[in-house]
Amino acid sequence: MMEPVLCSISEAARSLGIGKTKTYELISDQQLECVTIGTRRLVKVASIKRLVEAAAAPKAA
């Protein structure tokens, strides 16, 4: 079975444990990448993983 490459805004919000408004803010700030297919706006799963990894990385002093 193939791992999903894209997910809906709602699924992205749920997987990050945040609301849809904050998810749209992250998209606007280009911290999450989206593609549009037809009328659907979908979030790239890889960008969700990158966001989480960046948040978990220790901050440089």
Protein backbone atom coordinates (compact mmCIF):
# COMPACT_ATOMS: atom_id res chain seq x y z
CA MET A 1 0.00 0.00 0.00
CA MET A 2 1.25 3.45 -0.92
CA GLU A 3 1.67 6.13 1.76
CA PRO A 4 -0.52 9.22 1.18
CA VAL A 5 1.24 12.17 -0.44
CA LEU A 6 -1.56 14.69 0.08
CA CYS A 7 -4.22 15.26 2.71
CA SER A 8 -7.12 17.65 3.22
CA ILE A 9 -6.86 20.81 5.30
CA SER A 10 -8.99 19.14 8.00
CA GLU A 11 -6.76 16.03 8.04
CA ALA A 12 -3.63 18.20 8.25
CA ALA A 13 -5.10 20.15 11.17
CA ARG A 14 -6.12 16.95 12.94
CA SER A 15 -2.71 15.34 12.46
CA LEU A 16 -0.97 18.44 13.87
CA GLY A 17 -3.45 18.80 16.73
CA ILE A 18 -4.37 22.35 15.71
CA GLY A 19 -7.43 24.08 14.29
CA LYS A 20 -8.17 24.79 10.66
CA THR A 21 -7.62 28.53 11.16
CA LYS A 22 -4.05 27.93 12.37
CA THR A 23 -3.52 25.47 9.50
CA TYR A 24 -4.55 28.16 7.00
CA GLU A 25 -2.12 30.58 8.73
CA LEU A 26 0.72 28.07 8.29
CA ILE A 27 -0.21 27.73 4.62
CA SER A 28 -0.28 31.52 4.24
CA ASP A 29 3.13 31.77 5.94
CA GLN A 30 4.38 29.08 3.49
CA GLN A 31 5.24 26.70 6.33
CA LEU A 32 2.86 24.15 4.81
CA GLU A 33 2.76 23.47 1.07
CA CYS A 34 -0.50 23.05 -0.82
CA VAL A 35 -1.58 21.93 -4.24
CA THR A 36 -4.93 22.49 -5.89
CA ILE A 37 -6.53 19.64 -7.77
CA GLY A 38 -9.81 20.65 -9.31
CA THR A 39 -11.54 22.63 -6.59
CA ARG A 40 -9.78 20.86 -3.70
CA ARG A 41 -6.86 22.40 -1.85
CA LEU A 42 -4.62 19.67 -0.43
CA VAL A 43 -1.62 19.81 1.88
CA LYS A 44 1.59 17.97 1.04
CA VAL A 45 2.23 15.38 3.77
CA ALA A 46 6.00 15.92 3.38
CA SER A 47 5.56 19.58 4.38
CA ILE A 48 3.69 18.49 7.54
CA LYS A 49 6.60 16.21 8.44
CA ARG A 50 9.13 19.01 7.78
CA LEU A 51 7.16 21.41 9.99
CA VAL A 52 7.12 18.91 12.86
CA GLU A 53 10.82 18.13 12.48
CA ALA A 54 11.70 21.83 12.45
CA ALA A 55 9.60 22.44 15.57
CA ALA A 56 11.26 19.50 17.36
CA ALA A 57 14.81 20.52 16.41
CA PRO A 58 16.84 22.19 19.16
CA LYS A 59 17.14 25.93 18.71
CA ALA A 60 20.60 27.36 18.02
CA ALA A 61 21.74 29.74 20.77
